[in-house]
Amino acid sequence: MTANTVSATTLSQWLAADEALVIDVREPAEFAGGHIPGSLSVPMSRLGDIDLAEPGRRKVVLVCASGRRSDMSCAKVAERTSMPVHSLSGGLAAWRQAGGAVEGSGRNVLPLDRQVLIGAGTVVLAGVGLGSLVHPGFYALSAFAGAGLIVAGTTGFCGMALILARMPWNQTPRPA
C-alpha cells in the first residue's frame, strides 16, 4: 500500500480530468456542513465496510477537515489493500484556502472525537468538583469516565460517542 499526500491544487487537476475519487472520512454532520463536490461520505469508522476496488483508473483521495483523520484512514486502508491511496494535505481547510469549491449547508459541527473529549473532561471535572464540595461519593463520576476512556482506547467501542452521534446537532438535516 502506498499512502501519499496530495495538494489541493493537484487534486483540483485530477478532479477536472476525472482522475480522482474523493472519499470524505468525516462524520455525516460534518460532511453535510461542507464537502468537496462529488465526494462520497464514508466516515472513518465505516471505511472497512466499503470495497475500494471500484475506482478503476481513478486515484482514491481521502479527505477530512485538517488531514489528520484522512492520514489515519490511509493507514487503515493499507491493512486491507495494496491499492495506492492519497490523503489531501491540510484537508478541507487547505482545499478552501486554495479556492476549491465546497457544497453543503455551511453548518459547523465539532468532530465527534472532540465532542467525546469535551464530554469526558466535563464528567471528570464535575466528579472532582462535586466530590470535594458536596460528597466524596461523586468521585465515582471521575472513575466512571476514566474507565470509559480505557475501554474505548483498548476495544475501540465508545459508548459516549454512540450517544453523542445521536444528538440533534450531529444529525444531518433532512431535505424539505
Protein backbone atom coordinates (compact mmCIF):
# COMPACT_ATOMS: atom_id res chain seq x y z
CA MET A 1 0.00 0.00 0.00
CA THR A 2 1.33 3.40 -0.91
CA ALA A 3 -0.08 6.24 1.16
CA ASN A 4 0.76 9.63 -0.30
CA THR A 5 -0.37 13.13 0.40
CA VAL A 6 -1.71 15.25 -2.41
CA SER A 7 -2.03 19.03 -2.56
CA ALA A 8 -5.32 20.82 -3.12
CA THR A 9 -4.01 22.11 -6.46
CA THR A 10 -3.14 18.61 -7.68
CA LEU A 11 -6.47 17.22 -6.50
CA SER A 12 -8.26 20.00 -8.38
CA GLN A 13 -6.42 18.99 -11.57
CA TRP A 14 -7.23 15.31 -11.01
CA LEU A 15 -10.91 16.11 -10.49
CA ALA A 16 -11.05 18.26 -13.63
CA ALA A 17 -9.64 15.31 -15.60
CA ASP A 18 -11.96 12.82 -13.81
CA GLU A 19 -8.89 11.04 -12.43
CA ALA A 20 -9.86 11.00 -8.73
CA LEU A 21 -12.48 9.53 -6.45
CA VAL A 22 -12.76 11.66 -3.30
CA ILE A 23 -13.88 9.96 -0.09
CA ASP A 24 -14.64 12.22 2.87
CA VAL A 25 -13.91 10.34 6.12
CA ARG A 26 -15.60 12.84 8.47
CA GLU A 27 -18.85 12.17 10.28
CA PRO A 28 -22.11 12.72 8.32
CA ALA A 29 -22.99 16.01 10.08
CA GLU A 30 -19.53 17.40 9.26
CA PHE A 31 -19.89 16.25 5.65
CA ALA A 32 -23.33 17.90 5.39
CA GLY A 33 -21.82 21.16 6.63
CA GLY A 34 -19.44 21.34 3.69
CA HIS A 35 -17.59 18.99 1.37
CA ILE A 36 -15.85 18.81 -1.99
CA PRO A 37 -18.49 18.48 -4.73
CA GLY A 38 -18.85 14.89 -5.92
CA SER A 39 -17.13 13.40 -2.88
CA LEU A 40 -18.52 10.35 -1.11
CA SER A 41 -19.24 10.34 2.62
CA VAL A 42 -17.68 7.30 4.28
CA PRO A 43 -16.92 8.03 7.95
CA MET A 44 -13.60 6.74 9.19
CA SER A 45 -15.40 4.20 11.40
CA ARG A 46 -17.08 2.68 8.32
CA LEU A 47 -14.12 2.73 5.93
CA GLY A 48 -13.62 -1.01 6.38
CA ASP A 49 -17.17 -1.65 5.14
CA ILE A 50 -16.59 -0.47 1.56
CA ASP A 51 -14.80 -2.05 -1.37
CA LEU A 52 -12.21 0.34 -2.72
CA ALA A 53 -11.58 -1.70 -5.87
CA GLU A 54 -14.32 0.29 -7.70
CA PRO A 55 -12.45 3.39 -8.84
CA GLY A 56 -10.73 1.66 -11.77
CA ARG A 57 -8.14 4.07 -13.11
CA ARG A 58 -9.16 6.88 -10.77
CA LYS A 59 -6.96 7.71 -7.81
CA VAL A 60 -8.57 7.42 -4.38
CA VAL A 61 -8.16 10.54 -2.25
CA LEU A 62 -9.28 10.59 1.38
CA VAL A 63 -10.33 13.93 2.86
CA CYS A 64 -11.13 15.25 6.33
CA ALA A 65 -11.13 18.68 7.96
CA SER A 66 -7.37 19.04 8.54
CA GLY A 67 -5.71 15.96 7.05
CA ARG A 68 -5.18 14.11 10.34
CA ARG A 69 -8.10 11.68 10.05
CA SER A 70 -7.51 11.09 6.34
CA ASP A 71 -3.86 10.23 7.09
CA MET A 72 -5.01 7.73 9.75
CA SER A 73 -7.59 6.37 7.32
CA CYS A 74 -4.87 5.73 4.74
CA ALA A 75 -3.19 3.51 7.33
CA LYS A 76 -6.50 1.64 7.84
CA VAL A 77 -6.84 1.08 4.11
CA ALA A 78 -3.23 -0.16 4.00
CA GLU A 79 -4.26 -3.09 6.19
CA ARG A 80 -6.77 -4.27 3.56
CA THR A 81 -5.39 -3.48 0.14
CA SER A 82 -2.29 -2.81 -1.91
CA MET A 83 -4.06 -0.08 -3.89
CA PRO A 84 -2.43 3.36 -3.61
CA VAL A 85 -4.48 5.83 -1.59
CA HIS A 86 -3.83 9.53 -1.15
CA SER A 87 -4.65 11.92 1.69
CA LEU A 88 -5.46 15.56 0.94
CA SER A 89 -2.69 17.51 2.63
CA GLY A 90 -4.22 20.05 5.01
CA GLY A 91 -7.70 18.62 4.45
CA LEU A 92 -10.77 20.62 3.56
CA ALA A 93 -9.20 23.72 5.14
CA ALA A 94 -6.38 23.62 2.56
CA TRP A 95 -8.92 22.94 -0.20
CA ARG A 96 -10.90 26.04 0.77
CA GLN A 97 -7.74 28.14 1.09
CA ALA A 98 -6.72 27.11 -2.43
CA GLY A 99 -10.09 28.33 -3.72
CA GLY A 100 -11.67 24.91 -4.17
CA ALA A 101 -15.45 24.69 -4.38
CA VAL A 102 -17.35 23.45 -1.34
CA GLU A 103 -21.01 22.49 -1.21
CA GLY A 104 -23.17 21.91 1.83
CA SER A 105 -25.16 23.70 4.48
CA GLY A 106 -22.24 25.67 5.90
CA ARG A 107 -23.25 24.47 9.38
CA ASN A 108 -20.18 23.80 11.53
CA VAL A 109 -20.21 20.79 13.84
CA LEU A 110 -17.33 19.78 16.11
CA PRO A 111 -15.84 16.40 15.15
CA LEU A 112 -17.26 13.56 17.23
CA ASP A 113 -13.90 12.70 18.80
CA ARG A 114 -13.58 16.25 20.14
CA GLN A 115 -17.15 16.11 21.47
CA VAL A 116 -16.21 12.91 23.35
CA LEU A 117 -13.13 14.59 24.85
CA ILE A 118 -15.21 17.57 25.97
CA GLY A 119 -17.88 15.28 27.45
CA ALA A 120 -15.38 13.05 29.29
CA GLY A 121 -13.50 16.07 30.60
CA THR A 122 -16.73 17.61 31.85
CA VAL A 123 -17.71 14.41 33.68
CA VAL A 124 -14.24 14.16 35.29
CA LEU A 125 -14.25 17.81 36.34
CA ALA A 126 -17.81 17.56 37.69
CA GLY A 127 -16.91 14.42 39.66
CA VAL A 128 -13.88 16.06 41.24
CA GLY A 129 -15.74 19.30 41.99
CA LEU A 130 -18.81 17.62 43.45
CA GLY A 131 -16.67 15.06 45.31
CA SER A 132 -14.70 17.76 47.07
CA LEU A 133 -17.59 20.20 47.65
CA VAL A 134 -20.68 18.03 48.16
CA HIS A 135 -19.96 14.37 48.92
CA PRO A 136 -16.97 12.05 48.29
CA GLY A 137 -19.28 9.61 46.50
CA PHE A 138 -19.26 11.94 43.48
CA TYR A 139 -15.63 10.96 42.82
CA ALA A 140 -17.18 7.85 41.26
CA LEU A 141 -18.17 10.02 38.27
CA SER A 142 -14.50 10.65 37.54
CA ALA A 143 -13.71 6.95 37.95
CA PHE A 144 -16.57 6.06 35.60
CA ALA A 145 -15.31 8.47 32.92
CA GLY A 146 -11.76 7.15 33.30
CA ALA A 147 -12.94 3.55 32.95
CA GLY A 148 -14.93 4.52 29.85
CA LEU A 149 -11.86 6.08 28.27
CA ILE A 150 -9.81 2.95 28.99
CA VAL A 151 -12.50 0.72 27.44
CA ALA A 152 -12.73 2.99 24.39
CA GLY A 153 -8.97 3.02 23.95
CA THR A 154 -8.49 -0.73 24.28
CA THR A 155 -11.57 -2.02 22.43
CA GLY A 156 -12.47 0.75 20.01
CA PHE A 157 -16.00 0.84 21.47
CA CYS A 158 -17.02 4.23 22.86
CA GLY A 159 -20.47 4.42 24.40
CA MET A 160 -20.25 8.19 24.77
CA ALA A 161 -19.53 8.52 21.03
CA LEU A 162 -22.59 6.41 20.23
CA ILE A 163 -24.76 8.64 22.42
CA LEU A 164 -23.29 11.88 21.08
CA ALA A 165 -23.71 10.71 17.48
CA ARG A 166 -27.47 10.57 18.10
CA MET A 167 -27.70 14.10 19.47
CA PRO A 168 -29.68 16.60 17.36
CA TRP A 169 -26.65 18.74 16.49
CA ASN A 170 -24.94 15.67 14.98
CA GLN A 171 -27.86 14.76 12.72
CA THR A 172 -27.80 15.67 9.07
CA PRO A 173 -30.67 17.95 8.11
CA ARG A 174 -33.36 16.22 6.09
CA PRO A 175 -34.29 17.82 2.78
CA ALA A 176 -37.66 19.58 2.81
